[in-house]
Amino acid sequence: MARLNLVLALVLLACALSVVSANHRARKLFTELEAGQKRMRDLDVEWGQLQLEQSTLAAHVRVATVAREKLGMKPPAPGQIISVDALPGK
């Protein structure tokens, strides 16, 4: 009877340690999940900001202003414009 009690106590101890280990692992994984979700939200905000910046920089008025001021470009004179017709069916 004493042997059986000892074996059962060892089994109980092993089960208790397994439960503690599983709980620790679950908490650690949950923490990693929350950190990953926060990173995802931060990247989503950054993506939105980058899209807004891109739309601002690519706006026609901005492109025209940069071309005129920084690159010294100007519209061609009417005599310099050549119109090319597309081929039929294309």
PDB file of N, CA and C in Angstrom:
ATOM      1  N   MET A   1       0.817  -1.191   0.000  1.00  0.00           N
ATOM      2  CA  MET A   1       0.000   0.000   0.000  1.00  0.00           C
ATOM      3  C   MET A   1       0.869   1.267   0.000  1.00  0.00           C
ATOM      4  N   ALA A   2       1.962   1.237   0.742  1.00  0.00           N
ATOM      5  CA  ALA A   2       2.844   2.396   0.823  1.00  0.00           C
ATOM      6  C   ALA A   2       3.501   2.655  -0.532  1.00  0.00           C
ATOM      7  N   ARG A   3       3.840   1.568  -1.246  1.00  0.00           N
ATOM      8  CA  ARG A   3       4.428   1.724  -2.580  1.00  0.00           C
ATOM      9  C   ARG A   3       3.441   2.385  -3.538  1.00  0.00           C
ATOM     10  N   LEU A   4       2.218   1.961  -3.475  1.00  0.00           N
ATOM     11  CA  LEU A   4       1.185   2.525  -4.336  1.00  0.00           C
ATOM     12  C   LEU A   4       1.011   4.015  -4.054  1.00  0.00           C
ATOM     13  N   ASN A   5       1.024   4.371  -2.777  1.00  0.00           N
ATOM     14  CA  ASN A   5       0.909   5.782  -2.408  1.00  0.00           C
ATOM     15  C   ASN A   5       2.101   6.585  -2.941  1.00  0.00           C
ATOM     16  N   LEU A   6       3.291   6.017  -2.870  1.00  0.00           N
ATOM     17  CA  LEU A   6       4.487   6.683  -3.367  1.00  0.00           C
ATOM     18  C   LEU A   6       4.408   6.865  -4.878  1.00  0.00           C
ATOM     19  N   VAL A   7       3.986   5.837  -5.572  1.00  0.00           N
ATOM     20  CA  VAL A   7       3.855   5.918  -7.036  1.00  0.00           C
ATOM     21  C   VAL A   7       2.803   6.960  -7.407  1.00  0.00           C
ATOM     22  N   LEU A   8       1.681   6.941  -6.724  1.00  0.00           N
ATOM     23  CA  LEU A   8       0.629   7.918  -7.003  1.00  0.00           C
ATOM     24  C   LEU A   8       1.093   9.343  -6.693  1.00  0.00           C
ATOM     25  N   ALA A   9       1.872   9.512  -5.642  1.00  0.00           N
ATOM     26  CA  ALA A   9       2.401  10.836  -5.291  1.00  0.00           C
ATOM     27  C   ALA A   9       3.361  11.324  -6.376  1.00  0.00           C
ATOM     28  N   LEU A  10       4.192  10.416  -6.898  1.00  0.00           N
ATOM     29  CA  LEU A  10       5.117  10.795  -7.975  1.00  0.00           C
ATOM     30  C   LEU A  10       4.359  11.148  -9.253  1.00  0.00           C
ATOM     31  N   VAL A  11       3.320  10.383  -9.556  1.00  0.00           N
ATOM     32  CA  VAL A  11       2.497  10.682 -10.734  1.00  0.00           C
ATOM     33  C   VAL A  11       1.815  12.039 -10.556  1.00  0.00           C
ATOM     34  N   LEU A  12       1.302  12.278  -9.360  1.00  0.00           N
ATOM     35  CA  LEU A  12       0.654  13.547  -9.063  1.00  0.00           C
ATOM     36  C   LEU A  12       1.639  14.706  -9.206  1.00  0.00           C
ATOM     37  N   LEU A  13       2.858  14.526  -8.708  1.00  0.00           N
ATOM     38  CA  LEU A  13       3.886  15.557  -8.823  1.00  0.00           C
ATOM     39  C   LEU A  13       4.232  15.818 -10.284  1.00  0.00           C
ATOM     40  N   ALA A  14       4.370  14.754 -11.075  1.00  0.00           N
ATOM     41  CA  ALA A  14       4.674  14.905 -12.499  1.00  0.00           C
ATOM     42  C   ALA A  14       3.546  15.648 -13.215  1.00  0.00           C
ATOM     43  N   CYS A  15       2.307  15.328 -12.900  1.00  0.00           N
ATOM     44  CA  CYS A  15       1.156  16.011 -13.511  1.00  0.00           C
ATOM     45  C   CYS A  15       1.123  17.479 -13.120  1.00  0.00           C
ATOM     46  N   ALA A  16       1.409  17.764 -11.864  1.00  0.00           N
ATOM     47  CA  ALA A  16       1.401  19.151 -11.396  1.00  0.00           C
ATOM     48  C   ALA A  16       2.486  19.963 -12.107  1.00  0.00           C
ATOM     49  N   LEU A  17       3.678  19.367 -12.257  1.00  0.00           N
ATOM     50  CA  LEU A  17       4.754  20.064 -12.963  1.00  0.00           C
ATOM     51  C   LEU A  17       4.391  20.277 -14.433  1.00  0.00           C
ATOM     52  N   SER A  18       3.710  19.312 -15.025  1.00  0.00           N
ATOM     53  CA  SER A  18       3.283  19.456 -16.422  1.00  0.00           C
ATOM     54  C   SER A  18       2.283  20.597 -16.568  1.00  0.00           C
ATOM     55  N   VAL A  19       1.358  20.714 -15.635  1.00  0.00           N
ATOM     56  CA  VAL A  19       0.368  21.791 -15.678  1.00  0.00           C
ATOM     57  C   VAL A  19       1.046  23.146 -15.539  1.00  0.00           C
ATOM     58  N   VAL A  20       1.989  23.255 -14.612  1.00  0.00           N
ATOM     59  CA  VAL A  20       2.714  24.514 -14.415  1.00  0.00           C
ATOM     60  C   VAL A  20       3.492  24.875 -15.681  1.00  0.00           C
ATOM     61  N   SER A  21       4.152  23.891 -16.263  1.00  0.00           N
ATOM     62  CA  SER A  21       4.926  24.125 -17.485  1.00  0.00           C
ATOM     63  C   SER A  21       4.020  24.548 -18.637  1.00  0.00           C
ATOM     64  N   ALA A  22       2.883  23.894 -18.784  1.00  0.00           N
ATOM     65  CA  ALA A  22       1.950  24.234 -19.862  1.00  0.00           C
ATOM     66  C   ALA A  22       1.394  25.643 -19.675  1.00  0.00           C
ATOM     67  N   ASN A  23       1.077  26.018 -18.441  1.00  0.00           N
ATOM     68  CA  ASN A  23       0.581  27.371 -18.176  1.00  0.00           C
ATOM     69  C   ASN A  23       1.636  28.420 -18.494  1.00  0.00           C
ATOM     70  N   HIS A  24       2.860  28.146 -18.128  1.00  0.00           N
ATOM     71  CA  HIS A  24       3.954  29.084 -18.409  1.00  0.00           C
ATOM     72  C   HIS A  24       4.132  29.251 -19.914  1.00  0.00           C
ATOM     73  N   ARG A  25       4.128  28.147 -20.633  1.00  0.00           N
ATOM     74  CA  ARG A  25       4.294  28.177 -22.078  1.00  0.00           C
ATOM     75  C   ARG A  25       3.131  28.942 -22.735  1.00  0.00           C
ATOM     76  N   ALA A  26       1.908  28.722 -22.245  1.00  0.00           N
ATOM     77  CA  ALA A  26       0.741  29.407 -22.798  1.00  0.00           C
ATOM     78  C   ALA A  26       0.835  30.918 -22.569  1.00  0.00           C
ATOM     79  N   ARG A  27       1.272  31.318 -21.388  1.00  0.00           N
ATOM     80  CA  ARG A  27       1.418  32.751 -21.101  1.00  0.00           C
ATOM     81  C   ARG A  27       2.492  33.376 -21.976  1.00  0.00           C
ATOM     82  N   LYS A  28       3.588  32.658 -22.150  1.00  0.00           N
ATOM     83  CA  LYS A  28       4.678  33.162 -22.991  1.00  0.00           C
ATOM     84  C   LYS A  28       4.206  33.322 -24.435  1.00  0.00           C
ATOM     85  N   LEU A  29       3.482  32.337 -24.960  1.00  0.00           N
ATOM     86  CA  LEU A  29       2.969  32.420 -26.326  1.00  0.00           C
ATOM     87  C   LEU A  29       1.955  33.550 -26.474  1.00  0.00           C
ATOM     88  N   PHE A  30       1.122  33.747 -25.462  1.00  0.00           N
ATOM     89  CA  PHE A  30       0.134  34.823 -25.501  1.00  0.00           C
ATOM     90  C   PHE A  30       0.830  36.186 -25.531  1.00  0.00           C
ATOM     91  N   THR A  31       1.897  36.328 -24.743  1.00  0.00           N
ATOM     92  CA  THR A  31       2.666  37.572 -24.737  1.00  0.00           C
ATOM     93  C   THR A  31       3.280  37.825 -26.113  1.00  0.00           C
ATOM     94  N   GLU A  32       3.832  36.781 -26.722  1.00  0.00           N
ATOM     95  CA  GLU A  32       4.410  36.924 -28.058  1.00  0.00           C
ATOM     96  C   GLU A  32       3.332  37.283 -29.078  1.00  0.00           C
ATOM     97  N   LEU A  33       2.160  36.700 -28.942  1.00  0.00           N
ATOM     98  CA  LEU A  33       1.051  37.008 -29.846  1.00  0.00           C
ATOM     99  C   LEU A  33       0.658  38.475 -29.733  1.00  0.00           C
ATOM    100  N   GLU A  34       0.531  38.972 -28.512  1.00  0.00           N
ATOM    101  CA  GLU A  34       0.174  40.379 -28.329  1.00  0.00           C
ATOM    102  C   GLU A  34       1.242  41.306 -28.884  1.00  0.00           C
ATOM    103  N   ALA A  35       2.514  40.951 -28.709  1.00  0.00           N
ATOM    104  CA  ALA A  35       3.598  41.777 -29.258  1.00  0.00           C
ATOM    105  C   ALA A  35       3.529  41.783 -30.789  1.00  0.00           C
ATOM    106  N   GLY A  36       3.255  40.636 -31.376  1.00  0.00           N
ATOM    107  CA  GLY A  36       3.121  40.566 -32.834  1.00  0.00           C
ATOM    108  C   GLY A  36       1.946  41.372 -33.340  1.00  0.00           C
ATOM    109  N   GLN A  37       0.838  41.337 -32.616  1.00  0.00           N
ATOM    110  CA  GLN A  37      -0.333  42.121 -33.015  1.00  0.00           C
ATOM    111  C   GLN A  37      -0.067  43.618 -32.896  1.00  0.00           C
ATOM    112  N   LYS A  38       0.664  44.015 -31.869  1.00  0.00           N
ATOM    113  CA  LYS A  38       1.019  45.434 -31.721  1.00  0.00           C
ATOM    114  C   LYS A  38       1.916  45.868 -32.864  1.00  0.00           C
ATOM    115  N   ARG A  39       2.880  45.016 -33.208  1.00  0.00           N
ATOM    116  CA  ARG A  39       3.777  45.318 -34.336  1.00  0.00           C
ATOM    117  C   ARG A  39       2.973  45.456 -35.621  1.00  0.00           C
ATOM    118  N   MET A  40       1.982  44.584 -35.811  1.00  0.00           N
ATOM    119  CA  MET A  40       1.135  44.632 -36.998  1.00  0.00           C
ATOM    120  C   MET A  40       0.355  45.950 -37.043  1.00  0.00           C
ATOM    121  N   ARG A  41      -0.198  46.364 -35.906  1.00  0.00           N
ATOM    122  CA  ARG A  41      -0.937  47.632 -35.867  1.00  0.00           C
ATOM    123  C   ARG A  41      -0.015  48.815 -36.162  1.00  0.00           C
ATOM    124  N   ASP A  42       1.196  48.790 -35.582  1.00  0.00           N
ATOM    125  CA  ASP A  42       2.153  49.867 -35.837  1.00  0.00           C
ATOM    126  C   ASP A  42       2.526  49.937 -37.316  1.00  0.00           C
ATOM    127  N   LEU A  43       2.758  48.775 -37.925  1.00  0.00           N
ATOM    128  CA  LEU A  43       3.091  48.748 -39.347  1.00  0.00           C
ATOM    129  C   LEU A  43       1.915  49.203 -40.202  1.00  0.00           C
ATOM    130  N   ASP A  44       0.700  48.889 -39.774  1.00  0.00           N
ATOM    131  CA  ASP A  44      -0.483  49.327 -40.509  1.00  0.00           C
ATOM    132  C   ASP A  44      -0.600  50.853 -40.474  1.00  0.00           C
ATOM    133  N   VAL A  45      -0.330  51.445 -39.325  1.00  0.00           N
ATOM    134  CA  VAL A  45      -0.357  52.910 -39.209  1.00  0.00           C
ATOM    135  C   VAL A  45       0.734  53.519 -40.094  1.00  0.00           C
ATOM    136  N   GLU A  46       1.926  52.939 -40.045  1.00  0.00           N
ATOM    137  CA  GLU A  46       3.028  53.447 -40.866  1.00  0.00           C
ATOM    138  C   GLU A  46       2.695  53.327 -42.349  1.00  0.00           C
ATOM    139  N   TRP A  47       2.067  52.226 -42.747  1.00  0.00           N
ATOM    140  CA  TRP A  47       1.671  52.025 -44.144  1.00  0.00           C
ATOM    141  C   TRP A  47       0.697  53.120 -44.582  1.00  0.00           C
ATOM    142  N   GLY A  48      -0.272  53.437 -43.735  1.00  0.00           N
ATOM    143  CA  GLY A  48      -1.216  54.503 -44.045  1.00  0.00           C
ATOM    144  C   GLY A  48      -0.520  55.848 -44.202  1.00  0.00           C
ATOM    145  N   GLN A  49       0.427  56.120 -43.331  1.00  0.00           N
ATOM    146  CA  GLN A  49       1.168  57.376 -43.413  1.00  0.00           C
ATOM    147  C   GLN A  49       1.991  57.441 -44.697  1.00  0.00           C
ATOM    148  N   LEU A  50       2.609  56.309 -45.065  1.00  0.00           N
ATOM    149  CA  LEU A  50       3.402  56.277 -46.293  1.00  0.00           C
ATOM    150  C   LEU A  50       2.527  56.454 -47.533  1.00  0.00           C
ATOM    151  N   GLN A  51       1.324  55.865 -47.520  1.00  0.00           N
ATOM    152  CA  GLN A  51       0.417  56.041 -48.651  1.00  0.00           C
ATOM    153  C   GLN A  51      -0.012  57.502 -48.775  1.00  0.00           C
ATOM    154  N   LEU A  52      -0.283  58.138 -47.644  1.00  0.00           N
ATOM    155  CA  LEU A  52      -0.653  59.551 -47.656  1.00  0.00           C
ATOM    156  C   LEU A  52       0.498  60.404 -48.179  1.00  0.00           C
ATOM    157  N   GLU A  53       1.700  60.107 -47.725  1.00  0.00           N
ATOM    158  CA  GLU A  53       2.876  60.847 -48.191  1.00  0.00           C
ATOM    159  C   GLU A  53       3.085  60.642 -49.684  1.00  0.00           C
ATOM    160  N   GLN A  54       2.909  59.417 -50.153  1.00  0.00           N
ATOM    161  CA  GLN A  54       3.085  59.137 -51.575  1.00  0.00           C
ATOM    162  C   GLN A  54       2.053  59.891 -52.410  1.00  0.00           C
ATOM    163  N   SER A  55       0.810  59.904 -51.964  1.00  0.00           N
ATOM    164  CA  SER A  55      -0.218  60.612 -52.726  1.00  0.00           C
ATOM    165  C   SER A  55       0.057  62.112 -52.747  1.00  0.00           C
ATOM    166  N   THR A  56       0.612  62.631 -51.656  1.00  0.00           N
ATOM    167  CA  THR A  56       0.954  64.051 -51.608  1.00  0.00           C
ATOM    168  C   THR A  56       2.095  64.359 -52.564  1.00  0.00           C
ATOM    169  N   LEU A  57       3.127  63.510 -52.532  1.00  0.00           N
ATOM    170  CA  LEU A  57       4.293  63.756 -53.383  1.00  0.00           C
ATOM    171  C   LEU A  57       3.997  63.527 -54.859  1.00  0.00           C
ATOM    172  N   ALA A  58       3.047  62.662 -55.166  1.00  0.00           N
ATOM    173  CA  ALA A  58       2.741  62.343 -56.559  1.00  0.00           C
ATOM    174  C   ALA A  58       1.636  63.215 -57.136  1.00  0.00           C
ATOM    175  N   ALA A  59       1.094  64.123 -56.373  1.00  0.00           N
ATOM    176  CA  ALA A  59       0.030  64.991 -56.866  1.00  0.00           C
ATOM    177  C   ALA A  59       0.542  65.796 -58.059  1.00  0.00           C
ATOM    178  N   HIS A  60      -0.322  65.969 -59.059  1.00  0.00           N
ATOM    179  CA  HIS A  60       0.070  66.639 -60.302  1.00  0.00           C
ATOM    180  C   HIS A  60       0.646  68.035 -60.046  1.00  0.00           C
ATOM    181  N   VAL A  61       0.012  68.783 -59.151  1.00  0.00           N
ATOM    182  CA  VAL A  61       0.472  70.143 -58.862  1.00  0.00           C
ATOM    183  C   VAL A  61       1.874  70.109 -58.278  1.00  0.00           C
ATOM    184  N   ARG A  62       2.115  69.171 -57.377  1.00  0.00           N
ATOM    185  CA  ARG A  62       3.451  69.066 -56.765  1.00  0.00           C
ATOM    186  C   ARG A  62       4.499  68.696 -57.801  1.00  0.00           C
ATOM    187  N   VAL A  63       4.180  67.735 -58.673  1.00  0.00           N
ATOM    188  CA  VAL A  63       5.128  67.319 -59.711  1.00  0.00           C
ATOM    189  C   VAL A  63       5.434  68.499 -60.636  1.00  0.00           C
ATOM    190  N   ALA A  64       4.403  69.236 -61.021  1.00  0.00           N
ATOM    191  CA  ALA A  64       4.609  70.387 -61.903  1.00  0.00           C
ATOM    192  C   ALA A  64       5.466  71.451 -61.223  1.00  0.00           C
ATOM    193  N   THR A  65       5.225  71.683 -59.951  1.00  0.00           N
ATOM    194  CA  THR A  65       5.994  72.691 -59.211  1.00  0.00           C
ATOM    195  C   THR A  65       7.459  72.285 -59.100  1.00  0.00           C
ATOM    196  N   VAL A  66       7.712  71.035 -58.762  1.00  0.00           N
ATOM    197  CA  VAL A  66       9.098  70.557 -58.647  1.00  0.00           C
ATOM    198  C   VAL A  66       9.789  70.617 -59.997  1.00  0.00           C
ATOM    199  N   ALA A  67       9.086  70.216 -61.067  1.00  0.00           N
ATOM    200  CA  ALA A  67       9.681  70.251 -62.402  1.00  0.00           C
ATOM    201  C   ALA A  67      10.052  71.680 -62.791  1.00  0.00           C
ATOM    202  N   ARG A  68       9.189  72.612 -62.466  1.00  0.00           N
ATOM    203  CA  ARG A  68       9.424  74.006 -62.836  1.00  0.00           C
ATOM    204  C   ARG A  68      10.517  74.632 -61.975  1.00  0.00           C
ATOM    205  N   GLU A  69      10.449  74.442 -60.656  1.00  0.00           N
ATOM    206  CA  GLU A  69      11.366  75.145 -59.751  1.00  0.00           C
ATOM    207  C   GLU A  69      12.732  74.471 -59.628  1.00  0.00           C
ATOM    208  N   LYS A  70      12.761  73.171 -59.451  1.00  0.00           N
ATOM    209  CA  LYS A  70      14.041  72.492 -59.205  1.00  0.00           C
ATOM    210  C   LYS A  70      14.737  72.056 -60.486  1.00  0.00           C
ATOM    211  N   LEU A  71      13.965  71.689 -61.500  1.00  0.00           N
ATOM    212  CA  LEU A  71      14.564  71.182 -62.729  1.00  0.00           C
ATOM    213  C   LEU A  71      14.585  72.212 -63.856  1.00  0.00           C
ATOM    214  N   GLY A  72      13.940  73.354 -63.629  1.00  0.00           N
ATOM    215  CA  GLY A  72      13.931  74.408 -64.640  1.00  0.00           C
ATOM    216  C   GLY A  72      13.143  74.032 -65.890  1.00  0.00           C
ATOM    217  N   MET A  73      12.182  73.152 -65.765  1.00  0.00           N
ATOM    218  CA  MET A  73      11.396  72.733 -66.921  1.00  0.00           C
ATOM    219  C   MET A  73      10.270  73.725 -67.168  1.00  0.00           C
ATOM    220  N   LYS A  74       9.824  73.805 -68.425  1.00  0.00           N
ATOM    221  CA  LYS A  74       8.703  74.666 -68.784  1.00  0.00           C
ATOM    222  C   LYS A  74       7.917  73.984 -69.888  1.00  0.00           C
ATOM    223  N   PRO A  75       6.660  74.355 -70.070  1.00  0.00           N
ATOM    224  CA  PRO A  75       5.855  73.740 -71.131  1.00  0.00           C
ATOM    225  C   PRO A  75       6.445  74.067 -72.505  1.00  0.00           C
ATOM    226  N   PRO A  76       6.333  73.153 -73.469  1.00  0.00           N
ATOM    227  CA  PRO A  76       6.877  73.435 -74.800  1.00  0.00           C
ATOM    228  C   PRO A  76       6.033  74.502 -75.516  1.00  0.00           C
ATOM    229  N   ALA A  77       6.683  75.215 -76.412  1.00  0.00           N
ATOM    230  CA  ALA A  77       5.975  76.213 -77.225  1.00  0.00           C
ATOM    231  C   ALA A  77       5.049  75.475 -78.193  1.00  0.00           C
ATOM    232  N   PRO A  78       3.965  76.120 -78.632  1.00  0.00           N
ATOM    233  CA  PRO A  78       3.025  75.448 -79.526  1.00  0.00           C
ATOM    234  C   PRO A  78       3.680  74.845 -80.774  1.00  0.00           C
ATOM    235  N   GLY A  79       4.706  75.465 -81.297  1.00  0.00           N
ATOM    236  CA  GLY A  79       5.378  74.947 -82.498  1.00  0.00           C
ATOM    237  C   GLY A  79       6.227  73.711 -82.211  1.00  0.00           C
ATOM    238  N   GLN A  80       6.502  73.431 -80.964  1.00  0.00           N
ATOM    239  CA  GLN A  80       7.333  72.282 -80.602  1.00  0.00           C
ATOM    240  C   GLN A  80       6.515  71.021 -80.331  1.00  0.00           C
ATOM    241  N   ILE A  81       5.216  71.133 -80.327  1.00  0.00           N
ATOM    242  CA  ILE A  81       4.356  69.987 -80.005  1.00  0.00           C
ATOM    243  C   ILE A  81       4.026  69.247 -81.291  1.00  0.00           C
ATOM    244  N   ILE A  82       4.238  67.918 -81.278  1.00  0.00           N
ATOM    245  CA  ILE A  82       3.925  67.068 -82.437  1.00  0.00           C
ATOM    246  C   ILE A  82       2.889  66.068 -81.981  1.00  0.00           C
ATOM    247  N   SER A  83       1.805  65.939 -82.716  1.00  0.00           N
ATOM    248  CA  SER A  83       0.738  65.009 -82.388  1.00  0.00           C
ATOM    249  C   SER A  83       0.926  63.729 -83.211  1.00  0.00           C
ATOM    250  N   VAL A  84       0.893  62.588 -82.570  1.00  0.00           N
ATOM    251  CA  VAL A  84       1.057  61.309 -83.250  1.00  0.00           C
ATOM    252  C   VAL A  84      -0.256  60.537 -83.084  1.00  0.00           C
ATOM    253  N   ASP A  85      -0.850  60.138 -84.211  1.00  0.00           N
ATOM    254  CA  ASP A  85      -2.095  59.355 -84.165  1.00  0.00           C
ATOM    255  C   ASP A  85      -1.767  57.895 -83.960  1.00  0.00           C
ATOM    256  N   ALA A  86      -2.605  57.208 -83.192  1.00  0.00           N
ATOM    257  CA  ALA A  86      -2.412  55.776 -82.963  1.00  0.00           C
ATOM    258  C   ALA A  86      -2.822  55.012 -84.208  1.00  0.00           C
ATOM    259  N   LEU A  87      -2.221  53.845 -84.395  1.00  0.00           N
ATOM    260  CA  LEU A  87      -2.595  52.998 -85.520  1.00  0.00           C
ATOM    261  C   LEU A  87      -4.007  52.482 -85.324  1.00  0.00           C
ATOM    262  N   PRO A  88      -4.771  52.305 -86.410  1.00  0.00           N
ATOM    263  CA  PRO A  88      -6.134  51.786 -86.269  1.00  0.00           C
ATOM    264  C   PRO A  88      -6.133  50.410 -85.629  1.00  0.00           C
ATOM    265  N   GLY A  89      -7.081  50.187 -84.765  1.00  0.00           N
ATOM    266  CA  GLY A  89      -7.221  48.890 -84.122  1.00  0.00           C
ATOM    267  C   GLY A  89      -6.323  48.679 -82.918  1.00  0.00           C
ATOM    268  N   LYS A  90      -5.579  49.640 -82.529  1.00  0.00           N
ATOM    269  CA  LYS A  90      -4.680  49.467 -81.383  1.00  0.00           C
ATOM    270  C   LYS A  90      -5.062  50.376 -80.264  1.00  0.00           C
TER     271      LYS A  90
END
